[in-house]
């Protein structure tokens, strides 16, 4: 049967294995989720109004098919930091692709933000006025996106691994191997009596 000290060391060792594994799994999952591509939905004025009523910010990408900068804008909006913000639920992504200026939806945006031949981004906020971003760059978009707290699973994973290593080394340096109790066993009274009897028998002989 394990002594109380051995049992405590075993429980601590088990905990120090479970905690890093848990943080590691959460870290891998968060990285995988955050790096998923942005799921663009078709832009409509009604869709913007609906999401704003739900308290969600909306990022609209107006992409003219005839303009060469549209491809560069797509690359900028695919920046890992913007994908992370989208997959964290910071905004809803809507796209308006058009090939002329006569469409109802693009004319609505032109009326509100001014006409342009180049692609542009509009960020609608549920609690603030909308912002037009042009020219499009990842840094310009990120500057206007809300900052949300994200648990630092990677840091916690690293710290827990380091802590596990330190405690394991300390246990090994004490001869416990992190698990076993090296304290010498204390003789029981029965053992002491038996030893005395053996000594007496030897003297009688």
N, C-alpha and C. Protein backbone atom coordinates (compact mmCIF):
# COMPACT_ATOMS: atom_id res chain seq x y z
N UNK A 1 0.85 -1.20 0.00
CA UNK A 1 0.00 0.00 0.00
C UNK A 1 0.88 1.25 0.00
N UNK A 2 0.54 2.22 -0.82
CA UNK A 2 1.34 3.44 -0.92
C UNK A 2 1.19 4.29 0.33
N UNK A 3 2.31 4.92 0.72
CA UNK A 3 2.26 5.86 1.83
C UNK A 3 1.56 7.13 1.38
N UNK A 4 1.07 7.95 2.33
CA UNK A 4 0.41 9.21 1.95
C UNK A 4 1.31 10.09 1.08
N UNK A 5 2.62 10.11 1.37
CA UNK A 5 3.51 10.97 0.60
C UNK A 5 3.65 10.44 -0.83
N UNK A 6 3.79 9.11 -0.97
CA UNK A 6 3.85 8.53 -2.31
C UNK A 6 2.58 8.81 -3.09
N UNK A 7 1.44 8.72 -2.41
CA UNK A 7 0.16 8.96 -3.07
C UNK A 7 0.07 10.41 -3.54
N UNK A 8 0.52 11.34 -2.70
CA UNK A 8 0.49 12.76 -3.09
C UNK A 8 1.38 12.99 -4.31
N UNK A 9 2.58 12.39 -4.30
CA UNK A 9 3.49 12.57 -5.43
C UNK A 9 2.90 11.98 -6.71
N UNK A 10 2.22 10.85 -6.59
CA UNK A 10 1.61 10.23 -7.76
C UNK A 10 0.50 11.11 -8.33
N UNK A 11 -0.32 11.68 -7.44
CA UNK A 11 -1.40 12.55 -7.88
C UNK A 11 -0.86 13.82 -8.53
N UNK A 12 0.21 14.38 -7.94
CA UNK A 12 0.82 15.59 -8.51
C UNK A 12 1.39 15.29 -9.89
N UNK A 13 2.07 14.15 -10.02
CA UNK A 13 2.65 13.77 -11.32
C UNK A 13 1.56 13.58 -12.37
N UNK A 14 0.46 12.94 -11.98
CA UNK A 14 -0.65 12.75 -12.91
C UNK A 14 -1.24 14.09 -13.34
N UNK A 15 -1.40 14.99 -12.36
CA UNK A 15 -1.95 16.31 -12.67
C UNK A 15 -1.03 17.07 -13.61
N UNK A 16 0.28 16.96 -13.39
CA UNK A 16 1.24 17.68 -14.22
C UNK A 16 1.31 17.10 -15.63
N UNK A 17 0.83 15.90 -15.83
CA UNK A 17 0.73 15.35 -17.17
C UNK A 17 -0.57 15.76 -17.85
N UNK A 18 -1.66 15.79 -17.08
CA UNK A 18 -2.97 16.11 -17.65
C UNK A 18 -3.07 17.58 -18.05
N UNK A 19 -2.55 18.48 -17.21
CA UNK A 19 -2.67 19.92 -17.47
C UNK A 19 -1.99 20.32 -18.78
N UNK A 20 -0.69 19.96 -19.01
CA UNK A 20 -0.09 20.33 -20.29
C UNK A 20 -0.81 19.72 -21.49
N UNK A 21 -1.26 18.46 -21.33
CA UNK A 21 -1.97 17.82 -22.44
C UNK A 21 -3.26 18.56 -22.77
N UNK A 22 -3.96 19.03 -21.73
CA UNK A 22 -5.22 19.76 -21.95
C UNK A 22 -4.97 21.09 -22.66
N UNK A 23 -3.98 21.85 -22.15
CA UNK A 23 -3.66 23.13 -22.77
C UNK A 23 -3.16 22.93 -24.20
N UNK A 24 -2.38 21.87 -24.42
CA UNK A 24 -1.88 21.59 -25.76
C UNK A 24 -3.01 21.30 -26.74
N UNK A 25 -3.99 20.51 -26.30
CA UNK A 25 -5.13 20.19 -27.16
C UNK A 25 -5.95 21.44 -27.47
N UNK A 26 -6.16 22.29 -26.45
CA UNK A 26 -6.91 23.53 -26.67
C UNK A 26 -6.17 24.47 -27.62
N UNK A 27 -4.86 24.53 -27.48
CA UNK A 27 -4.03 25.38 -28.34
C UNK A 27 -4.12 24.92 -29.79
N UNK A 28 -3.95 23.61 -30.02
CA UNK A 28 -4.01 23.08 -31.39
C UNK A 28 -5.39 23.33 -31.99
N UNK A 29 -6.43 23.12 -31.19
CA UNK A 29 -7.79 23.33 -31.69
C UNK A 29 -8.03 24.79 -32.05
N UNK A 30 -7.57 25.71 -31.17
CA UNK A 30 -7.80 27.14 -31.43
C UNK A 30 -7.06 27.60 -32.68
N UNK A 31 -5.83 27.09 -32.88
CA UNK A 31 -5.06 27.46 -34.07
C UNK A 31 -5.76 26.93 -35.33
N UNK A 32 -6.24 25.69 -35.26
CA UNK A 32 -6.91 25.10 -36.43
C UNK A 32 -8.19 25.86 -36.78
N UNK A 33 -8.96 26.23 -35.76
CA UNK A 33 -10.21 26.95 -36.00
C UNK A 33 -9.95 28.34 -36.54
N UNK A 34 -8.98 29.04 -35.95
CA UNK A 34 -8.72 30.42 -36.34
C UNK A 34 -8.17 30.55 -37.75
N UNK A 35 -7.53 29.51 -38.26
CA UNK A 35 -6.91 29.61 -39.57
C UNK A 35 -7.82 29.13 -40.70
N UNK A 36 -9.06 28.82 -40.38
CA UNK A 36 -9.99 28.45 -41.45
C UNK A 36 -10.24 29.64 -42.37
N UNK A 37 -10.50 29.42 -43.65
CA UNK A 37 -10.76 30.54 -44.56
C UNK A 37 -12.05 31.27 -44.21
N UNK A 38 -12.11 32.53 -44.60
CA UNK A 38 -13.31 33.33 -44.35
C UNK A 38 -14.46 32.81 -45.23
N UNK A 39 -15.61 32.65 -44.63
CA UNK A 39 -16.80 32.22 -45.37
C UNK A 39 -17.60 33.46 -45.78
N UNK A 40 -17.41 33.86 -47.03
CA UNK A 40 -18.09 35.05 -47.53
C UNK A 40 -19.53 34.74 -47.89
N UNK A 41 -20.43 35.61 -47.44
CA UNK A 41 -21.84 35.52 -47.81
C UNK A 41 -22.17 36.65 -48.78
N UNK A 42 -23.20 36.45 -49.57
CA UNK A 42 -23.60 37.46 -50.55
C UNK A 42 -24.13 38.71 -49.85
N UNK A 43 -23.66 39.85 -50.33
CA UNK A 43 -24.08 41.13 -49.73
C UNK A 43 -25.48 41.52 -50.17
N UNK A 44 -26.27 41.94 -49.21
CA UNK A 44 -27.53 42.64 -49.46
C UNK A 44 -27.70 43.65 -48.33
N UNK A 45 -28.40 44.72 -48.60
CA UNK A 45 -28.65 45.71 -47.54
C UNK A 45 -29.45 45.11 -46.40
N UNK A 46 -30.36 44.20 -46.73
CA UNK A 46 -31.16 43.55 -45.69
C UNK A 46 -30.29 42.69 -44.78
N UNK A 47 -29.29 42.01 -45.37
CA UNK A 47 -28.40 41.17 -44.56
C UNK A 47 -27.59 42.03 -43.58
N UNK A 48 -27.12 43.19 -44.04
CA UNK A 48 -26.39 44.09 -43.15
C UNK A 48 -27.27 44.53 -41.99
N UNK A 49 -28.47 44.95 -42.30
CA UNK A 49 -29.40 45.41 -41.25
C UNK A 49 -29.70 44.30 -40.25
N UNK A 50 -29.89 43.08 -40.74
CA UNK A 50 -30.21 41.96 -39.86
C UNK A 50 -29.08 41.69 -38.88
N UNK A 51 -27.83 41.64 -39.38
CA UNK A 51 -26.69 41.35 -38.51
C UNK A 51 -26.45 42.48 -37.51
N UNK A 52 -26.65 43.71 -37.95
CA UNK A 52 -26.47 44.84 -37.03
C UNK A 52 -27.51 44.80 -35.91
N UNK A 53 -28.74 44.41 -36.24
CA UNK A 53 -29.77 44.28 -35.20
C UNK A 53 -29.40 43.19 -34.19
N UNK A 54 -28.67 42.18 -34.67
CA UNK A 54 -28.23 41.10 -33.78
C UNK A 54 -26.98 41.47 -32.99
N UNK A 55 -26.51 42.71 -33.18
CA UNK A 55 -25.34 43.17 -32.43
C UNK A 55 -24.01 42.71 -32.99
N UNK A 56 -23.97 42.36 -34.27
CA UNK A 56 -22.74 41.87 -34.88
C UNK A 56 -22.19 42.88 -35.87
N UNK A 57 -20.87 43.07 -35.86
CA UNK A 57 -20.23 43.93 -36.85
C UNK A 57 -20.20 43.21 -38.20
N UNK A 58 -20.24 44.00 -39.28
CA UNK A 58 -20.30 43.43 -40.63
C UNK A 58 -19.20 44.05 -41.48
N UNK A 59 -18.40 43.19 -42.11
CA UNK A 59 -17.38 43.65 -43.05
C UNK A 59 -17.86 43.34 -44.46
N UNK A 60 -17.95 44.38 -45.28
CA UNK A 60 -18.42 44.24 -46.67
C UNK A 60 -17.25 44.48 -47.61
N UNK A 61 -17.03 43.54 -48.51
CA UNK A 61 -15.99 43.65 -49.52
C UNK A 61 -16.65 43.89 -50.87
N UNK A 62 -16.49 45.11 -51.41
CA UNK A 62 -17.02 45.45 -52.73
C UNK A 62 -15.93 45.19 -53.77
N UNK A 63 -16.16 44.20 -54.63
CA UNK A 63 -15.11 43.73 -55.54
C UNK A 63 -15.56 43.85 -56.99
N UNK A 64 -15.06 44.87 -57.71
CA UNK A 64 -15.39 44.99 -59.14
C UNK A 64 -14.59 43.96 -59.95
N UNK A 65 -15.29 43.18 -60.74
CA UNK A 65 -14.62 42.09 -61.48
C UNK A 65 -13.65 42.62 -62.53
N UNK A 66 -13.83 43.85 -62.98
CA UNK A 66 -13.01 44.40 -64.05
C UNK A 66 -11.71 45.03 -63.55
N UNK A 67 -11.53 45.16 -62.23
CA UNK A 67 -10.38 45.90 -61.71
C UNK A 67 -9.26 44.95 -61.31
N UNK A 68 -8.01 45.22 -61.74
CA UNK A 68 -6.90 44.31 -61.43
C UNK A 68 -6.56 44.25 -59.94
N UNK A 69 -6.93 45.27 -59.18
CA UNK A 69 -6.60 45.26 -57.75
C UNK A 69 -7.52 44.35 -56.93
N UNK A 70 -8.56 43.85 -57.54
CA UNK A 70 -9.48 42.98 -56.80
C UNK A 70 -8.77 41.72 -56.31
N UNK A 71 -7.90 41.16 -57.15
CA UNK A 71 -7.14 39.97 -56.75
C UNK A 71 -6.22 40.26 -55.58
N UNK A 72 -5.57 41.43 -55.60
CA UNK A 72 -4.69 41.80 -54.49
C UNK A 72 -5.49 42.03 -53.21
N UNK A 73 -6.69 42.58 -53.36
CA UNK A 73 -7.54 42.81 -52.19
C UNK A 73 -7.96 41.48 -51.56
N UNK A 74 -8.23 40.48 -52.39
CA UNK A 74 -8.59 39.16 -51.87
C UNK A 74 -7.44 38.59 -51.05
N UNK A 75 -6.21 38.75 -51.53
CA UNK A 75 -5.04 38.27 -50.79
C UNK A 75 -4.89 39.01 -49.46
N UNK A 76 -5.12 40.32 -49.48
CA UNK A 76 -5.00 41.11 -48.25
C UNK A 76 -6.03 40.67 -47.22
N UNK A 77 -7.25 40.42 -47.67
CA UNK A 77 -8.31 40.01 -46.75
C UNK A 77 -8.14 38.57 -46.28
N UNK A 78 -7.27 37.81 -46.94
CA UNK A 78 -6.97 36.46 -46.50
C UNK A 78 -5.83 36.40 -45.51
N UNK A 79 -5.39 37.55 -45.03
CA UNK A 79 -4.32 37.60 -44.02
C UNK A 79 -4.70 36.75 -42.80
N UNK A 80 -3.75 35.98 -42.25
CA UNK A 80 -4.08 35.12 -41.09
C UNK A 80 -4.70 35.87 -39.92
N UNK A 81 -4.30 37.11 -39.71
CA UNK A 81 -4.85 37.88 -38.59
C UNK A 81 -6.32 38.21 -38.82
N UNK A 82 -6.68 38.50 -40.08
CA UNK A 82 -8.09 38.78 -40.39
C UNK A 82 -8.91 37.50 -40.31
N UNK A 83 -8.35 36.40 -40.80
CA UNK A 83 -9.06 35.11 -40.69
C UNK A 83 -9.28 34.75 -39.22
N UNK A 84 -8.29 35.02 -38.40
CA UNK A 84 -8.43 34.73 -36.97
C UNK A 84 -9.56 35.54 -36.36
N UNK A 85 -9.64 36.81 -36.73
CA UNK A 85 -10.71 37.66 -36.21
C UNK A 85 -12.08 37.17 -36.66
N UNK A 86 -12.17 36.77 -37.94
CA UNK A 86 -13.45 36.26 -38.45
C UNK A 86 -13.86 34.98 -37.73
N UNK A 87 -12.93 34.04 -37.61
CA UNK A 87 -13.25 32.75 -37.00
C UNK A 87 -13.45 32.85 -35.49
N UNK A 88 -13.05 33.97 -34.91
CA UNK A 88 -13.32 34.21 -33.49
C UNK A 88 -14.67 34.89 -33.29
N UNK A 89 -15.37 35.16 -34.41
CA UNK A 89 -16.70 35.77 -34.31
C UNK A 89 -16.69 37.27 -34.18
N UNK A 90 -15.57 37.92 -34.58
CA UNK A 90 -15.50 39.37 -34.44
C UNK A 90 -16.37 40.10 -35.46
N UNK A 91 -16.65 39.48 -36.61
CA UNK A 91 -17.47 40.15 -37.63
C UNK A 91 -18.07 39.11 -38.57
N UNK A 92 -19.08 39.54 -39.31
CA UNK A 92 -19.68 38.76 -40.39
C UNK A 92 -19.12 39.28 -41.70
N UNK A 93 -18.78 38.39 -42.63
CA UNK A 93 -18.16 38.79 -43.89
C UNK A 93 -19.16 38.69 -45.04
N UNK A 94 -19.41 39.82 -45.71
CA UNK A 94 -20.29 39.86 -46.89
C UNK A 94 -19.49 40.37 -48.08
N UNK A 95 -19.78 39.84 -49.26
CA UNK A 95 -19.07 40.26 -50.46
C UNK A 95 -20.07 40.68 -51.54
N UNK A 96 -19.71 41.76 -52.23
CA UNK A 96 -20.52 42.25 -53.35
C UNK A 96 -19.63 42.29 -54.58
N UNK A 97 -19.85 41.36 -55.49
CA UNK A 97 -19.10 41.31 -56.74
C UNK A 97 -19.96 41.93 -57.85
N UNK A 98 -19.39 42.85 -58.60
CA UNK A 98 -20.16 43.54 -59.64
C UNK A 98 -19.26 43.84 -60.83
N UNK A 99 -19.88 44.00 -62.00
CA UNK A 99 -19.12 44.28 -63.22
C UNK A 99 -19.51 45.61 -63.87
N UNK A 100 -20.43 46.34 -63.25
CA UNK A 100 -20.76 47.69 -63.73
C UNK A 100 -21.26 48.52 -62.55
N UNK A 101 -21.58 49.76 -62.82
CA UNK A 101 -22.00 50.66 -61.74
C UNK A 101 -23.52 50.78 -61.64
N UNK A 102 -24.23 49.99 -62.36
CA UNK A 102 -25.67 50.18 -62.45
C UNK A 102 -26.47 49.31 -61.48
N UNK A 103 -25.81 48.38 -60.81
CA UNK A 103 -26.53 47.51 -59.90
C UNK A 103 -27.08 48.27 -58.69
N UNK A 104 -28.20 47.82 -58.19
CA UNK A 104 -28.86 48.50 -57.08
C UNK A 104 -27.98 48.54 -55.83
N UNK A 105 -27.36 47.41 -55.50
CA UNK A 105 -26.60 47.32 -54.25
C UNK A 105 -25.34 48.20 -54.30
N UNK A 106 -24.59 48.15 -55.41
CA UNK A 106 -23.37 48.95 -55.48
C UNK A 106 -23.69 50.43 -55.54
N UNK A 107 -24.79 50.80 -56.18
CA UNK A 107 -25.18 52.21 -56.22
C UNK A 107 -25.56 52.70 -54.81
N UNK A 108 -26.11 51.80 -54.01
CA UNK A 108 -26.43 52.16 -52.62
C UNK A 108 -25.15 52.47 -51.85
N UNK A 109 -24.11 51.63 -52.04
CA UNK A 109 -22.83 51.87 -51.37
C UNK A 109 -22.17 53.14 -51.90
N UNK A 110 -22.21 53.35 -53.22
CA UNK A 110 -21.63 54.56 -53.79
C UNK A 110 -22.32 55.81 -53.25
N UNK A 111 -23.64 55.72 -53.11
CA UNK A 111 -24.39 56.87 -52.60
C UNK A 111 -23.97 57.20 -51.16
N UNK A 112 -23.63 56.17 -50.39
CA UNK A 112 -23.29 56.38 -48.98
C UNK A 112 -21.83 56.74 -48.78
N UNK A 113 -20.92 56.15 -49.59
CA UNK A 113 -19.48 56.33 -49.35
C UNK A 113 -18.73 56.97 -50.51
N UNK A 114 -19.43 57.25 -51.61
CA UNK A 114 -18.77 57.87 -52.75
C UNK A 114 -18.34 56.83 -53.78
N UNK A 115 -18.44 57.16 -55.08
CA UNK A 115 -18.09 56.21 -56.14
C UNK A 115 -16.58 56.02 -56.26
N UNK A 116 -16.18 54.85 -56.68
CA UNK A 116 -14.78 54.54 -56.95
C UNK A 116 -14.72 53.35 -57.89
N UNK A 117 -13.72 53.33 -58.75
CA UNK A 117 -13.55 52.19 -59.65
C UNK A 117 -12.80 51.04 -58.97
N UNK A 118 -12.08 51.34 -57.90
CA UNK A 118 -11.26 50.34 -57.22
C UNK A 118 -12.08 49.57 -56.18
N UNK A 119 -11.63 48.38 -55.81
CA UNK A 119 -12.32 47.65 -54.74
C UNK A 119 -12.18 48.39 -53.41
N UNK A 120 -13.14 48.18 -52.53
CA UNK A 120 -13.07 48.83 -51.22
C UNK A 120 -13.79 47.97 -50.19
N UNK A 121 -13.55 48.30 -48.94
CA UNK A 121 -14.16 47.58 -47.81
C UNK A 121 -14.95 48.57 -46.97
N UNK A 122 -16.09 48.13 -46.50
CA UNK A 122 -16.89 48.92 -45.56
C UNK A 122 -17.09 48.08 -44.30
N UNK A 123 -16.79 48.67 -43.16
CA UNK A 123 -17.01 48.00 -41.88
C UNK A 123 -18.17 48.66 -41.17
N UNK A 124 -19.26 47.92 -41.05
CA UNK A 124 -20.43 48.40 -40.31
C UNK A 124 -20.32 47.92 -38.87
N UNK A 125 -20.50 48.85 -37.94
CA UNK A 125 -20.43 48.50 -36.52
C UNK A 125 -21.82 48.60 -35.90
N UNK A 126 -22.09 47.68 -35.01
CA UNK A 126 -23.40 47.68 -34.36
C UNK A 126 -23.57 48.85 -33.41
N UNK A 127 -22.45 49.41 -32.92
CA UNK A 127 -22.53 50.49 -31.94
C UNK A 127 -21.77 51.74 -32.39
N UNK A 128 -21.51 51.86 -33.69
CA UNK A 128 -20.77 53.03 -34.18
C UNK A 128 -21.11 53.23 -35.65
N UNK A 129 -20.63 54.34 -36.20
CA UNK A 129 -20.90 54.64 -37.61
C UNK A 129 -20.01 53.78 -38.51
N UNK A 130 -20.45 53.50 -39.75
CA UNK A 130 -19.65 52.66 -40.66
C UNK A 130 -18.41 53.39 -41.14
N UNK A 131 -17.41 52.59 -41.55
CA UNK A 131 -16.14 53.13 -42.02
C UNK A 131 -15.81 52.52 -43.38
N UNK A 132 -15.44 53.37 -44.34
CA UNK A 132 -14.99 52.90 -45.64
C UNK A 132 -13.46 52.81 -45.63
N UNK A 133 -12.94 51.68 -46.07
CA UNK A 133 -11.49 51.46 -46.06
C UNK A 133 -11.01 51.31 -47.50
N UNK A 134 -10.19 52.25 -47.93
CA UNK A 134 -9.61 52.23 -49.26
C UNK A 134 -8.34 53.08 -49.26
N UNK A 135 -7.26 52.59 -49.82
CA UNK A 135 -7.08 51.27 -50.44
C UNK A 135 -7.10 50.16 -49.39
N UNK A 136 -7.28 48.94 -49.87
CA UNK A 136 -7.41 47.80 -48.97
C UNK A 136 -6.04 47.23 -48.62
N UNK A 137 -5.78 47.09 -47.34
CA UNK A 137 -4.59 46.38 -46.85
C UNK A 137 -4.96 45.69 -45.55
N UNK A 138 -4.22 44.65 -45.20
CA UNK A 138 -4.53 43.91 -43.97
C UNK A 138 -4.44 44.81 -42.75
N UNK A 139 -3.39 45.62 -42.68
CA UNK A 139 -3.20 46.50 -41.52
C UNK A 139 -4.32 47.53 -41.41
N UNK A 140 -4.76 48.06 -42.56
CA UNK A 140 -5.83 49.06 -42.53
C UNK A 140 -7.13 48.45 -42.02
N UNK A 141 -7.41 47.22 -42.43
CA UNK A 141 -8.63 46.56 -41.96
C UNK A 141 -8.53 46.23 -40.48
N UNK A 142 -7.39 45.69 -40.06
CA UNK A 142 -7.21 45.30 -38.65
C UNK A 142 -7.30 46.50 -37.72
N UNK A 143 -6.90 47.65 -38.22
CA UNK A 143 -6.96 48.86 -37.40
C UNK A 143 -8.38 49.19 -36.96
N UNK A 144 -9.36 48.78 -37.76
CA UNK A 144 -10.75 49.12 -37.46
C UNK A 144 -11.55 47.96 -36.87
N UNK A 145 -10.94 46.78 -36.80
CA UNK A 145 -11.65 45.63 -36.23
C UNK A 145 -11.59 45.68 -34.70
N UNK A 146 -12.62 45.25 -34.03
CA UNK A 146 -12.60 45.24 -32.56
C UNK A 146 -11.61 44.21 -32.04
N UNK A 147 -10.99 44.54 -30.92
CA UNK A 147 -10.06 43.61 -30.28
C UNK A 147 -10.81 42.80 -29.23
N UNK A 148 -10.69 41.50 -29.31
CA UNK A 148 -11.35 40.62 -28.34
C UNK A 148 -10.30 39.78 -27.63
N UNK A 149 -10.61 39.41 -26.39
CA UNK A 149 -9.69 38.59 -25.61
C UNK A 149 -9.69 37.15 -26.13
N UNK A 150 -8.49 36.62 -26.32
CA UNK A 150 -8.34 35.23 -26.72
C UNK A 150 -7.43 34.53 -25.71
N UNK A 151 -7.90 33.45 -25.10
CA UNK A 151 -7.08 32.76 -24.09
C UNK A 151 -5.72 32.36 -24.68
N UNK A 152 -4.62 32.67 -23.97
CA UNK A 152 -3.28 32.34 -24.49
C UNK A 152 -2.93 30.88 -24.25
N UNK A 153 -3.63 29.98 -24.96
CA UNK A 153 -3.41 28.55 -24.72
C UNK A 153 -1.97 28.14 -25.01
N UNK A 154 -1.35 28.74 -26.02
CA UNK A 154 0.03 28.39 -26.33
C UNK A 154 0.97 28.72 -25.19
N UNK A 155 0.81 29.90 -24.59
CA UNK A 155 1.65 30.30 -23.46
C UNK A 155 1.40 29.40 -22.26
N UNK A 156 0.13 29.12 -21.98
CA UNK A 156 -0.21 28.25 -20.85
C UNK A 156 0.36 26.85 -21.05
N UNK A 157 0.33 26.36 -22.29
CA UNK A 157 0.90 25.05 -22.58
C UNK A 157 2.40 25.04 -22.29
N UNK A 158 3.10 26.07 -22.76
CA UNK A 158 4.54 26.15 -22.53
C UNK A 158 4.90 26.26 -21.05
N UNK A 159 4.15 27.08 -20.32
CA UNK A 159 4.41 27.26 -18.89
C UNK A 159 4.16 25.96 -18.13
N UNK A 160 3.08 25.27 -18.46
CA UNK A 160 2.76 24.03 -17.75
C UNK A 160 3.81 22.95 -18.03
N UNK A 161 4.32 22.90 -19.27
CA UNK A 161 5.39 21.95 -19.60
C UNK A 161 6.64 22.27 -18.79
N UNK A 162 7.00 23.57 -18.73
CA UNK A 162 8.18 23.97 -17.97
C UNK A 162 8.03 23.63 -16.49
N UNK A 163 6.84 23.90 -15.94
CA UNK A 163 6.59 23.59 -14.53
C UNK A 163 6.68 22.10 -14.27
N UNK A 164 6.11 21.31 -15.17
CA UNK A 164 6.18 19.85 -15.04
C UNK A 164 7.64 19.39 -15.03
N UNK A 165 8.46 19.95 -15.93
CA UNK A 165 9.87 19.58 -15.99
C UNK A 165 10.63 19.95 -14.73
N UNK A 166 10.37 21.15 -14.20
CA UNK A 166 11.06 21.60 -12.99
C UNK A 166 10.73 20.69 -11.81
N UNK A 167 9.46 20.39 -11.62
CA UNK A 167 9.06 19.55 -10.49
C UNK A 167 9.59 18.14 -10.65
N UNK A 168 9.61 17.65 -11.88
CA UNK A 168 10.13 16.30 -12.10
C UNK A 168 11.63 16.25 -11.79
N UNK A 169 12.38 17.28 -12.20
CA UNK A 169 13.82 17.32 -11.93
C UNK A 169 14.08 17.40 -10.43
N UNK A 170 13.28 18.22 -9.73
CA UNK A 170 13.44 18.33 -8.28
C UNK A 170 13.19 16.98 -7.62
N UNK A 171 12.15 16.29 -8.07
CA UNK A 171 11.86 14.98 -7.50
C UNK A 171 12.97 13.99 -7.78
N UNK A 172 13.54 14.03 -9.00
CA UNK A 172 14.61 13.10 -9.34
C UNK A 172 15.88 13.40 -8.54
N UNK A 173 16.17 14.70 -8.32
CA UNK A 173 17.37 15.06 -7.56
C UNK A 173 17.29 14.62 -6.11
N UNK A 174 16.09 14.43 -5.62
CA UNK A 174 15.91 13.95 -4.25
C UNK A 174 15.83 12.43 -4.18
N UNK A 175 16.01 11.81 -5.34
CA UNK A 175 15.99 10.36 -5.36
C UNK A 175 14.61 9.77 -5.39
N UNK A 176 13.60 10.61 -5.64
CA UNK A 176 12.23 10.10 -5.66
C UNK A 176 11.77 9.75 -7.05
N UNK A 177 12.48 10.25 -8.07
CA UNK A 177 12.04 10.01 -9.45
C UNK A 177 10.72 10.67 -9.73
N UNK A 178 10.31 11.60 -8.84
CA UNK A 178 9.05 12.28 -9.03
C UNK A 178 7.88 11.47 -8.55
N UNK A 179 8.13 10.19 -8.17
CA UNK A 179 7.00 9.34 -7.83
C UNK A 179 7.18 8.60 -6.51
N UNK A 180 8.41 8.18 -6.19
CA UNK A 180 8.62 7.25 -5.08
C UNK A 180 9.19 7.96 -3.86
N UNK A 181 8.84 7.50 -2.72
CA UNK A 181 9.29 8.06 -1.46
C UNK A 181 10.57 7.39 -1.04
N UNK A 182 11.66 8.17 -0.84
CA UNK A 182 12.95 7.61 -0.47
C UNK A 182 13.19 7.65 1.02
N UNK A 183 12.23 8.07 1.82
CA UNK A 183 12.40 8.16 3.27
C UNK A 183 12.54 6.76 3.85
N UNK A 184 13.62 6.50 4.65
CA UNK A 184 13.80 5.16 5.22
C UNK A 184 12.62 4.78 6.10
N UNK A 185 12.30 3.50 6.07
CA UNK A 185 11.19 3.01 6.88
C UNK A 185 11.57 3.03 8.35
N UNK A 186 10.66 3.47 9.19
CA UNK A 186 10.88 3.50 10.64
C UNK A 186 10.50 2.16 11.23
N UNK A 187 11.43 1.53 12.01
CA UNK A 187 11.12 0.21 12.58
C UNK A 187 9.91 0.30 13.50
N UNK A 188 9.07 -0.70 13.42
CA UNK A 188 7.91 -0.77 14.32
C UNK A 188 8.32 -1.39 15.64
N UNK A 189 7.53 -1.18 16.69
CA UNK A 189 7.88 -1.79 18.00
C UNK A 189 8.02 -3.29 17.92
N UNK A 190 7.18 -3.97 17.14
CA UNK A 190 7.28 -5.43 17.02
C UNK A 190 8.60 -5.86 16.43
N UNK A 191 9.06 -5.09 15.43
CA UNK A 191 10.34 -5.41 14.81
C UNK A 191 11.48 -5.22 15.79
N UNK A 192 11.40 -4.14 16.62
CA UNK A 192 12.44 -3.89 17.60
C UNK A 192 12.49 -5.01 18.64
N UNK A 193 11.30 -5.51 19.08
CA UNK A 193 11.27 -6.61 20.05
C UNK A 193 11.88 -7.86 19.47
N UNK A 194 11.59 -8.15 18.22
CA UNK A 194 12.14 -9.34 17.58
C UNK A 194 13.65 -9.26 17.49
N UNK A 195 14.15 -8.06 17.17
CA UNK A 195 15.60 -7.88 17.08
C UNK A 195 16.26 -8.09 18.43
N UNK A 196 15.63 -7.59 19.51
CA UNK A 196 16.18 -7.77 20.86
C UNK A 196 16.19 -9.25 21.23
N UNK A 197 15.14 -9.99 20.88
CA UNK A 197 15.07 -11.42 21.19
C UNK A 197 16.17 -12.18 20.48
N UNK A 198 16.45 -11.83 19.23
CA UNK A 198 17.52 -12.49 18.48
C UNK A 198 18.86 -12.26 19.15
N UNK A 199 19.10 -11.00 19.58
CA UNK A 199 20.37 -10.69 20.24
C UNK A 199 20.52 -11.46 21.54
N UNK A 200 19.42 -11.57 22.31
CA UNK A 200 19.47 -12.30 23.59
C UNK A 200 19.76 -13.77 23.35
N UNK A 201 19.15 -14.36 22.33
CA UNK A 201 19.37 -15.77 22.00
C UNK A 201 20.82 -16.02 21.64
N UNK A 202 21.41 -15.07 20.91
CA UNK A 202 22.82 -15.24 20.53
C UNK A 202 23.73 -15.17 21.76
N UNK A 203 23.39 -14.31 22.74
CA UNK A 203 24.22 -14.22 23.95
C UNK A 203 24.12 -15.50 24.76
N UNK A 204 22.91 -16.10 24.82
CA UNK A 204 22.73 -17.34 25.58
C UNK A 204 23.54 -18.47 24.98
N UNK A 205 23.68 -18.47 23.64
CA UNK A 205 24.48 -19.51 23.00
C UNK A 205 25.97 -19.31 23.27
